[in-house]
Amino acid sequence: MVTFVKELKATRPEGKELPKAPKRKLASLLLSNKKIKTEDFQELHKYLKSKEIDTQIRIDKKAFVFKVDEVSNSEIGLKIILKGFRQINRTKALGLFFAIRQGEALEKLAKVFSDKKEAKKHTFVWEDRIQSKTGESRSNIDKYRYIGRTIGQYKRFCGVGILFDEFYYKRTKILEMLQSDETTAKYWLTNFHDIFPEEEQQHSQTVA
């Protein structure tokens, strides 16, 4: 549009038609996009909440000690499957918890090594040392650091039963969600276990 107007001013050609004005106002388009984003954030918040699970309850390995023939009974089979998925989701949540905490520790370590006095004590690059000792790739270390740096303060995510890879994939939308709504941000800032009634806290090491 701008190029077209400049061309008109410069050449003043005869017979050229002006482009039609947009049927919808720009403001309405922007408001529509904002509404779509808000709805997306609400769905994401709802999804993450649905994946919350108490990680203080220890994982029950015995949930997978059964005879496969027992699954042929619908009632017993459903109990076995549902209990098994609770353990799987609890494992995912623990994995995410470990990843977030590891990321926070890595970010702190990076700051320690950024100090010139501290750096002079060593003849190695700290990321290279971690890679050689653990076999972790630099890209993975960077992923942990990013999540620790940006998500670490939101302690409630440590109780979400999804894989770290999925969480990292959704990281941009999660951060936008947290920045878009104060109430949502406060929810995820809450320590997951601080909101449990006392009677449930007493059973934090039971099996479920």
N, C-alpha and C. Protein backbone atom coordinates (compact mmCIF):
# COMPACT_ATOMS: atom_id res chain seq x y z
N MET A 1 0.83 -1.20 0.00
CA MET A 1 0.00 0.00 0.00
C MET A 1 0.87 1.26 0.00
N VAL A 2 1.88 1.31 0.86
CA VAL A 2 2.78 2.45 0.95
C VAL A 2 3.53 2.64 -0.36
N THR A 3 4.02 1.53 -0.93
CA THR A 3 4.74 1.57 -2.21
C THR A 3 3.83 2.10 -3.32
N PHE A 4 2.59 1.67 -3.31
CA PHE A 4 1.62 2.08 -4.32
C PHE A 4 1.38 3.59 -4.26
N VAL A 5 1.21 4.14 -3.05
CA VAL A 5 0.98 5.57 -2.87
C VAL A 5 2.19 6.38 -3.33
N LYS A 6 3.42 5.90 -2.99
CA LYS A 6 4.64 6.59 -3.42
C LYS A 6 4.73 6.63 -4.95
N GLU A 7 4.33 5.52 -5.56
CA GLU A 7 4.37 5.44 -7.02
C GLU A 7 3.39 6.44 -7.64
N LEU A 8 2.21 6.58 -7.04
CA LEU A 8 1.23 7.55 -7.53
C LEU A 8 1.77 8.97 -7.47
N LYS A 9 2.42 9.30 -6.33
CA LYS A 9 2.97 10.64 -6.15
C LYS A 9 4.07 10.92 -7.16
N ALA A 10 4.86 9.93 -7.47
CA ALA A 10 6.01 10.12 -8.35
C ALA A 10 5.62 10.17 -9.82
N THR A 11 4.69 9.30 -10.25
CA THR A 11 4.39 9.18 -11.68
C THR A 11 3.02 9.72 -12.07
N ARG A 12 2.09 9.81 -11.08
CA ARG A 12 0.71 10.24 -11.33
C ARG A 12 0.13 9.57 -12.59
N PRO A 13 0.18 8.22 -12.64
CA PRO A 13 -0.32 7.53 -13.84
C PRO A 13 -1.83 7.63 -13.97
N GLU A 14 -2.30 7.60 -15.20
CA GLU A 14 -3.73 7.64 -15.45
C GLU A 14 -4.31 6.23 -15.46
N GLY A 15 -5.52 6.13 -15.00
CA GLY A 15 -6.25 4.86 -15.11
C GLY A 15 -5.95 3.82 -14.05
N LYS A 16 -5.10 4.13 -13.06
CA LYS A 16 -4.81 3.16 -11.99
C LYS A 16 -5.88 3.26 -10.91
N GLU A 17 -6.33 2.09 -10.48
CA GLU A 17 -7.35 2.05 -9.43
C GLU A 17 -6.69 1.90 -8.07
N LEU A 18 -7.21 2.63 -7.10
CA LEU A 18 -6.70 2.51 -5.73
C LEU A 18 -7.13 1.17 -5.14
N PRO A 19 -6.29 0.54 -4.33
CA PRO A 19 -6.70 -0.72 -3.70
C PRO A 19 -7.84 -0.47 -2.72
N LYS A 20 -8.71 -1.47 -2.61
CA LYS A 20 -9.86 -1.33 -1.72
C LYS A 20 -9.43 -1.32 -0.27
N ALA A 21 -10.11 -0.52 0.52
CA ALA A 21 -9.83 -0.44 1.96
C ALA A 21 -10.26 -1.75 2.61
N PRO A 22 -9.56 -2.19 3.65
CA PRO A 22 -9.96 -3.44 4.33
C PRO A 22 -11.36 -3.31 4.92
N LYS A 23 -12.12 -4.40 4.81
CA LYS A 23 -13.50 -4.38 5.31
C LYS A 23 -13.55 -4.29 6.82
N ARG A 24 -12.57 -4.85 7.49
CA ARG A 24 -12.52 -4.80 8.96
C ARG A 24 -11.46 -3.81 9.40
N LYS A 25 -11.76 -3.10 10.46
CA LYS A 25 -10.81 -2.15 11.00
C LYS A 25 -9.63 -2.89 11.63
N LEU A 26 -8.46 -2.26 11.58
CA LEU A 26 -7.25 -2.87 12.13
C LEU A 26 -7.42 -3.18 13.61
N ALA A 27 -8.08 -2.29 14.34
CA ALA A 27 -8.29 -2.49 15.79
C ALA A 27 -9.07 -3.76 16.06
N SER A 28 -10.09 -4.03 15.21
CA SER A 28 -10.90 -5.24 15.41
C SER A 28 -10.10 -6.49 15.14
N LEU A 29 -9.17 -6.41 14.17
CA LEU A 29 -8.31 -7.55 13.87
C LEU A 29 -7.39 -7.85 15.04
N LEU A 30 -6.82 -6.79 15.63
CA LEU A 30 -5.91 -6.95 16.76
C LEU A 30 -6.65 -7.51 17.96
N LEU A 31 -7.87 -7.02 18.20
CA LEU A 31 -8.67 -7.51 19.33
C LEU A 31 -9.04 -8.97 19.14
N SER A 32 -9.32 -9.34 17.89
CA SER A 32 -9.65 -10.74 17.58
C SER A 32 -8.48 -11.65 17.88
N ASN A 33 -7.26 -11.23 17.47
CA ASN A 33 -6.06 -12.03 17.74
C ASN A 33 -5.80 -12.15 19.22
N LYS A 34 -6.04 -11.06 19.95
CA LYS A 34 -5.84 -11.06 21.40
C LYS A 34 -6.80 -12.04 22.08
N LYS A 35 -8.04 -12.07 21.59
CA LYS A 35 -9.04 -12.99 22.14
C LYS A 35 -8.62 -14.44 21.90
N ILE A 36 -8.14 -14.71 20.68
CA ILE A 36 -7.70 -16.07 20.34
C ILE A 36 -6.55 -16.49 21.25
N LYS A 37 -5.58 -15.57 21.46
CA LYS A 37 -4.44 -15.87 22.32
C LYS A 37 -4.88 -16.13 23.74
N THR A 38 -5.82 -15.31 24.24
CA THR A 38 -6.33 -15.47 25.60
C THR A 38 -6.97 -16.84 25.77
N GLU A 39 -7.77 -17.25 24.78
CA GLU A 39 -8.42 -18.55 24.83
C GLU A 39 -7.38 -19.68 24.79
N ASP A 40 -6.32 -19.49 23.99
CA ASP A 40 -5.24 -20.48 23.92
C ASP A 40 -4.56 -20.62 25.28
N PHE A 41 -4.30 -19.49 25.94
CA PHE A 41 -3.64 -19.50 27.24
C PHE A 41 -4.51 -20.18 28.29
N GLN A 42 -5.82 -19.94 28.21
CA GLN A 42 -6.75 -20.57 29.15
C GLN A 42 -6.77 -22.08 28.97
N GLU A 43 -6.73 -22.51 27.72
CA GLU A 43 -6.70 -23.95 27.43
C GLU A 43 -5.39 -24.58 27.92
N LEU A 44 -4.29 -23.86 27.74
CA LEU A 44 -2.98 -24.36 28.19
C LEU A 44 -2.95 -24.46 29.71
N HIS A 45 -3.46 -23.44 30.37
CA HIS A 45 -3.52 -23.44 31.84
C HIS A 45 -4.37 -24.61 32.34
N LYS A 46 -5.50 -24.82 31.69
CA LYS A 46 -6.41 -25.93 32.05
C LYS A 46 -5.72 -27.27 31.84
N TYR A 47 -5.00 -27.39 30.74
CA TYR A 47 -4.30 -28.65 30.42
C TYR A 47 -3.23 -28.95 31.46
N LEU A 48 -2.40 -27.96 31.79
CA LEU A 48 -1.33 -28.15 32.76
C LEU A 48 -1.89 -28.48 34.15
N LYS A 49 -2.98 -27.83 34.52
CA LYS A 49 -3.63 -28.12 35.81
C LYS A 49 -4.12 -29.57 35.85
N SER A 50 -4.65 -30.04 34.72
CA SER A 50 -5.18 -31.41 34.67
C SER A 50 -4.09 -32.46 34.85
N LYS A 51 -2.81 -32.06 34.64
CA LYS A 51 -1.69 -32.99 34.73
C LYS A 51 -1.01 -32.95 36.11
N GLU A 52 -1.53 -32.14 37.02
CA GLU A 52 -0.90 -32.04 38.34
C GLU A 52 -1.08 -33.35 39.12
N ILE A 53 -0.02 -33.73 39.82
CA ILE A 53 -0.06 -34.96 40.62
C ILE A 53 0.87 -34.80 41.81
N ASP A 54 0.50 -35.40 42.92
CA ASP A 54 1.29 -35.25 44.15
C ASP A 54 2.56 -36.09 44.07
N THR A 55 3.68 -35.43 43.96
CA THR A 55 4.96 -36.15 43.86
C THR A 55 5.50 -36.56 45.22
N GLN A 56 4.86 -36.13 46.30
CA GLN A 56 5.30 -36.55 47.63
C GLN A 56 4.88 -37.99 47.93
N ILE A 57 3.90 -38.47 47.20
CA ILE A 57 3.51 -39.88 47.32
C ILE A 57 4.50 -40.70 46.51
N ARG A 58 5.15 -41.65 47.15
CA ARG A 58 6.20 -42.39 46.45
C ARG A 58 5.64 -43.29 45.35
N ILE A 59 6.46 -43.53 44.37
CA ILE A 59 6.06 -44.38 43.24
C ILE A 59 5.99 -45.83 43.69
N ASP A 60 4.91 -46.48 43.33
CA ASP A 60 4.70 -47.88 43.73
C ASP A 60 5.08 -48.82 42.59
N LYS A 61 6.26 -49.41 42.68
CA LYS A 61 6.72 -50.33 41.64
C LYS A 61 5.86 -51.59 41.59
N LYS A 62 5.25 -51.93 42.73
CA LYS A 62 4.43 -53.14 42.78
C LYS A 62 3.18 -53.01 41.92
N ALA A 63 2.86 -51.77 41.51
CA ALA A 63 1.69 -51.57 40.65
C ALA A 63 1.84 -52.31 39.33
N PHE A 64 3.08 -52.65 38.98
CA PHE A 64 3.34 -53.33 37.72
C PHE A 64 3.68 -54.80 37.92
N VAL A 65 3.51 -55.28 39.15
CA VAL A 65 3.72 -56.70 39.44
C VAL A 65 2.35 -57.38 39.44
N PHE A 66 2.00 -57.93 38.30
CA PHE A 66 0.69 -58.60 38.17
C PHE A 66 0.77 -59.61 37.03
N LYS A 67 -0.18 -60.51 36.99
CA LYS A 67 -0.28 -61.46 35.90
C LYS A 67 -1.09 -60.81 34.78
N VAL A 68 -0.60 -60.89 33.57
CA VAL A 68 -1.27 -60.27 32.43
C VAL A 68 -2.70 -60.80 32.28
N ASP A 69 -2.91 -62.08 32.65
CA ASP A 69 -4.24 -62.68 32.55
C ASP A 69 -5.27 -61.94 33.40
N GLU A 70 -4.81 -61.27 34.47
CA GLU A 70 -5.73 -60.55 35.35
C GLU A 70 -6.41 -59.39 34.62
N VAL A 71 -5.78 -58.88 33.59
CA VAL A 71 -6.34 -57.75 32.84
C VAL A 71 -7.58 -58.19 32.06
N SER A 72 -7.77 -59.50 31.86
CA SER A 72 -8.94 -60.00 31.15
C SER A 72 -10.22 -59.78 31.94
N ASN A 73 -10.08 -59.60 33.25
CA ASN A 73 -11.22 -59.25 34.09
C ASN A 73 -11.37 -57.74 34.05
N SER A 74 -12.52 -57.25 33.58
CA SER A 74 -12.70 -55.82 33.34
C SER A 74 -12.49 -54.97 34.60
N GLU A 75 -13.04 -55.38 35.71
CA GLU A 75 -12.96 -54.59 36.95
C GLU A 75 -11.52 -54.53 37.47
N ILE A 76 -10.91 -55.70 37.60
CA ILE A 76 -9.52 -55.75 38.08
C ILE A 76 -8.58 -55.11 37.07
N GLY A 77 -8.84 -55.37 35.79
CA GLY A 77 -7.99 -54.83 34.73
C GLY A 77 -7.97 -53.31 34.74
N LEU A 78 -9.12 -52.68 34.91
CA LEU A 78 -9.19 -51.22 34.96
C LEU A 78 -8.42 -50.66 36.15
N LYS A 79 -8.54 -51.33 37.29
CA LYS A 79 -7.81 -50.89 38.49
C LYS A 79 -6.31 -50.94 38.26
N ILE A 80 -5.85 -52.02 37.63
CA ILE A 80 -4.42 -52.19 37.34
C ILE A 80 -3.93 -51.09 36.41
N ILE A 81 -4.70 -50.84 35.33
CA ILE A 81 -4.30 -49.85 34.33
C ILE A 81 -4.28 -48.44 34.91
N LEU A 82 -5.33 -48.08 35.64
CA LEU A 82 -5.42 -46.73 36.23
C LEU A 82 -4.31 -46.49 37.25
N LYS A 83 -4.04 -47.52 38.07
CA LYS A 83 -2.97 -47.38 39.06
C LYS A 83 -1.62 -47.26 38.36
N GLY A 84 -1.45 -48.01 37.28
CA GLY A 84 -0.20 -47.95 36.52
C GLY A 84 0.04 -46.57 35.93
N PHE A 85 -1.01 -45.97 35.37
CA PHE A 85 -0.86 -44.64 34.78
C PHE A 85 -0.56 -43.58 35.84
N ARG A 86 -1.09 -43.77 37.06
CA ARG A 86 -0.76 -42.82 38.13
C ARG A 86 0.73 -42.86 38.43
N GLN A 87 1.31 -44.06 38.40
CA GLN A 87 2.76 -44.17 38.66
C GLN A 87 3.55 -43.56 37.51
N ILE A 88 3.10 -43.78 36.28
CA ILE A 88 3.78 -43.23 35.11
C ILE A 88 3.75 -41.70 35.15
N ASN A 89 2.58 -41.13 35.45
CA ASN A 89 2.45 -39.67 35.50
C ASN A 89 3.25 -39.08 36.67
N ARG A 90 3.32 -39.84 37.76
CA ARG A 90 4.12 -39.37 38.90
C ARG A 90 5.62 -39.38 38.53
N THR A 91 6.01 -40.37 37.76
CA THR A 91 7.40 -40.44 37.28
C THR A 91 7.71 -39.25 36.37
N LYS A 92 6.77 -38.92 35.48
CA LYS A 92 6.94 -37.76 34.59
C LYS A 92 7.11 -36.48 35.41
N ALA A 93 6.25 -36.32 36.43
CA ALA A 93 6.30 -35.11 37.26
C ALA A 93 7.63 -35.01 38.00
N LEU A 94 8.11 -36.15 38.50
CA LEU A 94 9.41 -36.15 39.18
C LEU A 94 10.53 -35.79 38.20
N GLY A 95 10.43 -36.32 36.99
CA GLY A 95 11.43 -36.00 35.97
C GLY A 95 11.45 -34.51 35.65
N LEU A 96 10.26 -33.90 35.56
CA LEU A 96 10.18 -32.47 35.29
C LEU A 96 10.71 -31.67 36.47
N PHE A 97 10.38 -32.12 37.67
CA PHE A 97 10.88 -31.48 38.90
C PHE A 97 12.40 -31.50 38.92
N PHE A 98 12.98 -32.67 38.64
CA PHE A 98 14.45 -32.80 38.62
C PHE A 98 15.06 -31.88 37.57
N ALA A 99 14.44 -31.82 36.39
CA ALA A 99 14.97 -31.00 35.29
C ALA A 99 14.96 -29.51 35.64
N ILE A 100 13.86 -29.06 36.25
CA ILE A 100 13.77 -27.65 36.63
C ILE A 100 14.81 -27.30 37.69
N ARG A 101 14.94 -28.17 38.69
CA ARG A 101 15.91 -27.91 39.76
C ARG A 101 17.35 -27.99 39.23
N GLN A 102 17.60 -28.94 38.34
CA GLN A 102 18.93 -29.06 37.73
C GLN A 102 19.24 -27.80 36.92
N GLY A 103 18.23 -27.29 36.23
CA GLY A 103 18.40 -26.07 35.46
C GLY A 103 18.74 -24.88 36.34
N GLU A 104 18.09 -24.79 37.48
CA GLU A 104 18.38 -23.70 38.43
C GLU A 104 19.82 -23.81 38.93
N ALA A 105 20.25 -25.05 39.23
CA ALA A 105 21.62 -25.26 39.72
C ALA A 105 22.65 -24.91 38.64
N LEU A 106 22.37 -25.31 37.40
CA LEU A 106 23.28 -25.00 36.29
C LEU A 106 23.39 -23.50 36.07
N GLU A 107 22.27 -22.81 36.17
CA GLU A 107 22.27 -21.36 35.98
C GLU A 107 23.09 -20.67 37.08
N LYS A 108 22.96 -21.18 38.30
CA LYS A 108 23.74 -20.64 39.42
C LYS A 108 25.23 -20.90 39.20
N LEU A 109 25.56 -22.11 38.73
CA LEU A 109 26.95 -22.47 38.48
C LEU A 109 27.55 -21.57 37.40
N ALA A 110 26.76 -21.25 36.38
CA ALA A 110 27.23 -20.37 35.32
C ALA A 110 27.61 -19.00 35.87
N LYS A 111 26.81 -18.53 36.82
CA LYS A 111 27.09 -17.22 37.44
C LYS A 111 28.36 -17.29 38.29
N VAL A 112 28.56 -18.43 38.96
CA VAL A 112 29.77 -18.61 39.78
C VAL A 112 31.01 -18.55 38.89
N PHE A 113 30.98 -19.25 37.77
CA PHE A 113 32.12 -19.29 36.86
C PHE A 113 32.31 -17.98 36.08
N SER A 114 31.25 -17.17 36.05
CA SER A 114 31.38 -15.88 35.36
C SER A 114 32.22 -14.89 36.18
N ASP A 115 32.41 -15.21 37.46
CA ASP A 115 33.27 -14.39 38.31
C ASP A 115 34.74 -14.64 37.94
N LYS A 116 35.46 -13.60 37.64
CA LYS A 116 36.85 -13.73 37.16
C LYS A 116 37.75 -14.43 38.17
N LYS A 117 37.58 -14.11 39.44
CA LYS A 117 38.41 -14.73 40.49
C LYS A 117 38.17 -16.23 40.55
N GLU A 118 36.88 -16.60 40.44
CA GLU A 118 36.53 -18.02 40.49
C GLU A 118 37.05 -18.74 39.25
N ALA A 119 36.91 -18.09 38.10
CA ALA A 119 37.34 -18.69 36.84
C ALA A 119 38.84 -18.96 36.80
N LYS A 120 39.61 -18.10 37.44
CA LYS A 120 41.07 -18.25 37.44
C LYS A 120 41.54 -19.49 38.21
N LYS A 121 40.67 -20.00 39.07
CA LYS A 121 41.03 -21.19 39.87
C LYS A 121 41.06 -22.44 39.01
N HIS A 122 40.46 -22.38 37.83
CA HIS A 122 40.32 -23.58 36.99
C HIS A 122 40.91 -23.36 35.61
N THR A 123 41.32 -24.45 35.02
CA THR A 123 41.90 -24.39 33.66
C THR A 123 40.95 -25.01 32.64
N PHE A 124 39.72 -25.27 33.04
CA PHE A 124 38.77 -25.91 32.13
C PHE A 124 37.50 -25.05 31.99
N VAL A 125 36.77 -25.30 30.92
CA VAL A 125 35.46 -24.68 30.72
C VAL A 125 34.44 -25.55 31.42
N TRP A 126 33.64 -24.94 32.31
CA TRP A 126 32.77 -25.75 33.16
C TRP A 126 31.76 -26.57 32.37
N GLU A 127 31.24 -26.04 31.24
CA GLU A 127 30.30 -26.82 30.44
C GLU A 127 30.97 -28.06 29.85
N ASP A 128 32.24 -27.89 29.43
CA ASP A 128 32.98 -29.03 28.87
C ASP A 128 33.21 -30.11 29.93
N ARG A 129 33.47 -29.66 31.16
CA ARG A 129 33.69 -30.62 32.25
C ARG A 129 32.43 -31.43 32.52
N ILE A 130 31.28 -30.77 32.53
CA ILE A 130 30.01 -31.47 32.76
C ILE A 130 29.72 -32.44 31.62
N GLN A 131 29.98 -32.00 30.40
CA GLN A 131 29.77 -32.87 29.24
C GLN A 131 30.62 -34.14 29.32
N SER A 132 31.89 -33.97 29.68
CA SER A 132 32.81 -35.11 29.72
C SER A 132 32.47 -36.07 30.86
N LYS A 133 31.94 -35.54 31.95
CA LYS A 133 31.63 -36.38 33.12
C LYS A 133 30.26 -37.05 33.04
N THR A 134 29.32 -36.44 32.33
CA THR A 134 27.95 -36.96 32.31
C THR A 134 27.49 -37.47 30.95
N GLY A 135 28.19 -37.02 29.88
CA GLY A 135 27.74 -37.40 28.55
C GLY A 135 26.59 -36.56 28.03
N GLU A 136 26.18 -35.55 28.81
CA GLU A 136 25.10 -34.67 28.38
C GLU A 136 25.60 -33.74 27.27
N SER A 137 24.76 -33.53 26.27
CA SER A 137 25.14 -32.63 25.18
C SER A 137 25.02 -31.18 25.64
N ARG A 138 25.73 -30.31 24.96
CA ARG A 138 25.68 -28.88 25.28
C ARG A 138 24.26 -28.34 25.09
N SER A 139 23.57 -28.83 24.08
CA SER A 139 22.20 -28.37 23.82
C SER A 139 21.26 -28.74 24.97
N ASN A 140 21.44 -29.94 25.54
CA ASN A 140 20.62 -30.34 26.68
C ASN A 140 20.92 -29.49 27.91
N ILE A 141 22.20 -29.23 28.13
CA ILE A 141 22.59 -28.37 29.26
C ILE A 141 21.96 -26.99 29.10
N ASP A 142 21.97 -26.47 27.88
CA ASP A 142 21.37 -25.17 27.61
C ASP A 142 19.86 -25.18 27.84
N LYS A 143 19.21 -26.30 27.49
CA LYS A 143 17.76 -26.42 27.71
C LYS A 143 17.44 -26.38 29.20
N TYR A 144 18.18 -27.14 30.00
CA TYR A 144 17.98 -27.14 31.45
C TYR A 144 18.19 -25.75 32.02
N ARG A 145 19.25 -25.09 31.58
CA ARG A 145 19.56 -23.74 32.07
C ARG A 145 18.43 -22.77 31.74
N TYR A 146 17.92 -22.86 30.53
CA TYR A 146 16.85 -21.95 30.10
C TYR A 146 15.61 -22.12 30.96
N ILE A 147 15.22 -23.38 31.19
CA ILE A 147 14.03 -23.64 32.00
C ILE A 147 14.26 -23.22 33.45
N GLY A 148 15.45 -23.50 33.97
CA GLY A 148 15.77 -23.08 35.34
C GLY A 148 15.74 -21.58 35.50
N ARG A 149 16.22 -20.89 34.48
CA ARG A 149 16.28 -19.42 34.52
C ARG A 149 14.90 -18.78 34.39
N THR A 150 14.06 -19.32 33.53
CA THR A 150 12.79 -18.67 33.22
C THR A 150 11.61 -19.23 34.01
N ILE A 151 11.68 -20.52 34.38
CA ILE A 151 10.54 -21.18 35.02
C ILE A 151 10.80 -21.51 36.49
N GLY A 152 12.06 -21.50 36.90
CA GLY A 152 12.43 -21.96 38.24
C GLY A 152 11.61 -21.38 39.38
N GLN A 153 11.22 -20.12 39.28
CA GLN A 153 10.48 -19.49 40.36
C GLN A 153 9.03 -19.99 40.47
N TYR A 154 8.54 -20.61 39.40
CA TYR A 154 7.15 -21.10 39.40
C TYR A 154 7.14 -22.55 39.90
N LYS A 155 7.19 -22.68 41.22
CA LYS A 155 7.40 -23.99 41.86
C LYS A 155 6.30 -25.01 41.57
N ARG A 156 5.11 -24.54 41.25
CA ARG A 156 4.00 -25.49 41.09
C ARG A 156 4.17 -26.38 39.85
N PHE A 157 4.96 -25.93 38.89
CA PHE A 157 5.20 -26.77 37.71
C PHE A 157 5.92 -28.06 38.08
N CYS A 158 6.55 -28.08 39.25
CA CYS A 158 7.27 -29.28 39.69
C CYS A 158 6.32 -30.43 40.01
N GLY A 159 5.02 -30.16 39.99
CA GLY A 159 4.04 -31.22 40.23
C GLY A 159 3.22 -31.56 39.00
N VAL A 160 3.70 -31.15 37.83
CA VAL A 160 2.97 -31.42 36.59
C VAL A 160 3.52 -32.69 35.93
N GLY A 161 2.63 -33.62 35.68
CA GLY A 161 3.04 -34.93 35.16
C GLY A 161 3.14 -34.99 33.65
N ILE A 162 4.08 -34.22 33.08
CA ILE A 162 4.36 -34.34 31.65
C ILE A 162 5.88 -34.45 31.48
N LEU A 163 6.30 -34.98 30.34
CA LEU A 163 7.73 -35.15 30.10
C LEU A 163 8.41 -33.79 29.91
N PHE A 164 9.68 -33.73 30.26
CA PHE A 164 10.44 -32.49 30.11
C PHE A 164 10.45 -32.02 28.66
N ASP A 165 10.56 -32.95 27.71
CA ASP A 165 10.59 -32.59 26.29
C ASP A 165 9.32 -31.86 25.87
N GLU A 166 8.18 -32.33 26.35
CA GLU A 166 6.91 -31.67 26.03
C GLU A 166 6.85 -30.29 26.68
N PHE A 167 7.31 -30.21 27.92
CA PHE A 167 7.30 -28.93 28.64
C PHE A 167 8.19 -27.92 27.93
N TYR A 168 9.37 -28.37 27.51
CA TYR A 168 10.30 -27.47 26.82
C TYR A 168 9.72 -27.03 25.47
N TYR A 169 9.05 -27.95 24.80
CA TYR A 169 8.43 -27.62 23.51
C TYR A 169 7.38 -26.52 23.67
N LYS A 170 6.67 -26.52 24.80
CA LYS A 170 5.60 -25.55 25.06
C LYS A 170 6.12 -24.31 25.80
N ARG A 171 7.44 -24.19 25.99
CA ARG A 171 8.01 -23.17 26.86
C ARG A 171 7.59 -21.74 26.48
N THR A 172 7.58 -21.43 25.19
CA THR A 172 7.25 -20.07 24.76
C THR A 172 5.81 -19.72 25.12
N LYS A 173 4.90 -20.63 24.83
CA LYS A 173 3.49 -20.39 25.16
C LYS A 173 3.27 -20.34 26.67
N ILE A 174 4.01 -21.17 27.40
CA ILE A 174 3.88 -21.16 28.86
C ILE A 174 4.33 -19.82 29.43
N LEU A 175 5.44 -19.31 28.95
CA LEU A 175 5.94 -18.02 29.42
C LEU A 175 5.00 -16.88 29.03
N GLU A 176 4.45 -16.94 27.82
CA GLU A 176 3.48 -15.92 27.40
C GLU A 176 2.23 -15.99 28.26
N MET A 177 1.81 -17.20 28.60
CA MET A 177 0.65 -17.40 29.46
C MET A 177 0.88 -16.75 30.83
N LEU A 178 2.05 -16.97 31.40
CA LEU A 178 2.38 -16.43 32.72
C LEU A 178 2.46 -14.91 32.70
N GLN A 179 2.93 -14.36 31.60
CA GLN A 179 3.06 -12.91 31.48
C GLN A 179 1.74 -12.22 31.15
N SER A 180 0.79 -12.99 30.63
CA SER A 180 -0.46 -12.39 30.16
C SER A 180 -1.49 -12.21 31.27
N ASP A 181 -1.38 -13.01 32.33
CA ASP A 181 -2.43 -12.97 33.36
C ASP A 181 -1.81 -13.13 34.75
N GLU A 182 -2.03 -12.14 35.60
CA GLU A 182 -1.43 -12.13 36.93
C GLU A 182 -1.97 -13.26 37.80
N THR A 183 -3.27 -13.54 37.69
CA THR A 183 -3.89 -14.61 38.49
C THR A 183 -3.28 -15.97 38.14
N THR A 184 -3.09 -16.21 36.84
CA THR A 184 -2.49 -17.46 36.39
C THR A 184 -1.05 -17.58 36.90
N ALA A 185 -0.31 -16.48 36.81
CA ALA A 185 1.09 -16.47 37.27
C ALA A 185 1.16 -16.79 38.76
N LYS A 186 0.26 -16.19 39.55
CA LYS A 186 0.24 -16.43 41.00
C LYS A 186 -0.06 -17.89 41.31
N TYR A 187 -0.94 -18.48 40.51
CA TYR A 187 -1.28 -19.89 40.71
C TYR A 187 -0.05 -20.76 40.59
N TRP A 188 0.76 -20.54 39.55
CA TRP A 188 1.94 -21.37 39.31
C TRP A 188 3.11 -21.01 40.20
N LEU A 189 3.04 -19.85 40.84
CA LEU A 189 4.07 -19.46 41.80
C LEU A 189 3.89 -20.20 43.13
N THR A 190 2.66 -20.67 43.36
CA THR A 190 2.35 -21.36 44.62
C THR A 190 3.03 -22.71 44.68
N ASN A 191 3.70 -22.97 45.81
CA ASN A 191 4.29 -24.29 46.00
C ASN A 191 3.19 -25.34 46.03
N PHE A 192 3.30 -26.35 45.21
CA PHE A 192 2.24 -27.35 45.04
C PHE A 192 1.79 -27.96 46.36
N HIS A 193 2.73 -28.26 47.24
CA HIS A 193 2.38 -28.98 48.47
C HIS A 193 1.93 -28.06 49.60
N ASP A 194 2.14 -26.76 49.46
CA ASP A 194 1.72 -25.82 50.49
C ASP A 194 0.21 -25.66 50.56
N ILE A 195 -0.50 -26.05 49.49
CA ILE A 195 -1.94 -25.81 49.46
C ILE A 195 -2.75 -27.03 49.89
N PHE A 196 -2.06 -28.14 50.21
CA PHE A 196 -2.78 -29.34 50.63
C PHE A 196 -3.27 -29.21 52.07
N PRO A 197 -4.47 -29.71 52.37
CA PRO A 197 -4.92 -29.76 53.77
C PRO A 197 -3.96 -30.59 54.61
N GLU A 198 -3.92 -30.32 55.92
CA GLU A 198 -2.97 -30.99 56.81
C GLU A 198 -3.16 -32.50 56.80
N GLU A 199 -4.42 -32.94 56.74
CA GLU A 199 -4.65 -34.39 56.78
C GLU A 199 -4.06 -35.10 55.57
N GLU A 200 -3.98 -34.39 54.41
CA GLU A 200 -3.37 -35.00 53.23
C GLU A 200 -1.86 -34.96 53.33
N GLN A 201 -1.31 -33.91 53.95
CA GLN A 201 0.13 -33.80 54.15
C GLN A 201 0.65 -34.96 54.98
N GLN A 202 -0.15 -35.41 55.94
CA GLN A 202 0.29 -36.48 56.84
C GLN A 202 0.48 -37.79 56.08
N HIS A 203 -0.15 -37.91 54.93
CA HIS A 203 -0.05 -39.14 54.15
C HIS A 203 0.85 -38.95 52.94
N SER A 204 1.80 -38.03 53.02
CA SER A 204 2.62 -37.68 51.87
C SER A 204 3.55 -38.81 51.43
N GLN A 205 3.79 -39.77 52.28
CA GLN A 205 4.66 -40.89 51.88
C GLN A 205 3.89 -42.17 51.68
N THR A 206 2.56 -42.08 51.55
CA THR A 206 1.77 -43.26 51.28
C THR A 206 1.83 -43.60 49.81
N VAL A 207 1.35 -44.77 49.47
CA VAL A 207 1.36 -45.23 48.09
C VAL A 207 -0.02 -45.08 47.50
N ALA A 208 -0.09 -44.57 46.27
CA ALA A 208 -1.40 -44.44 45.60
C ALA A 208 -1.26 -44.72 44.12
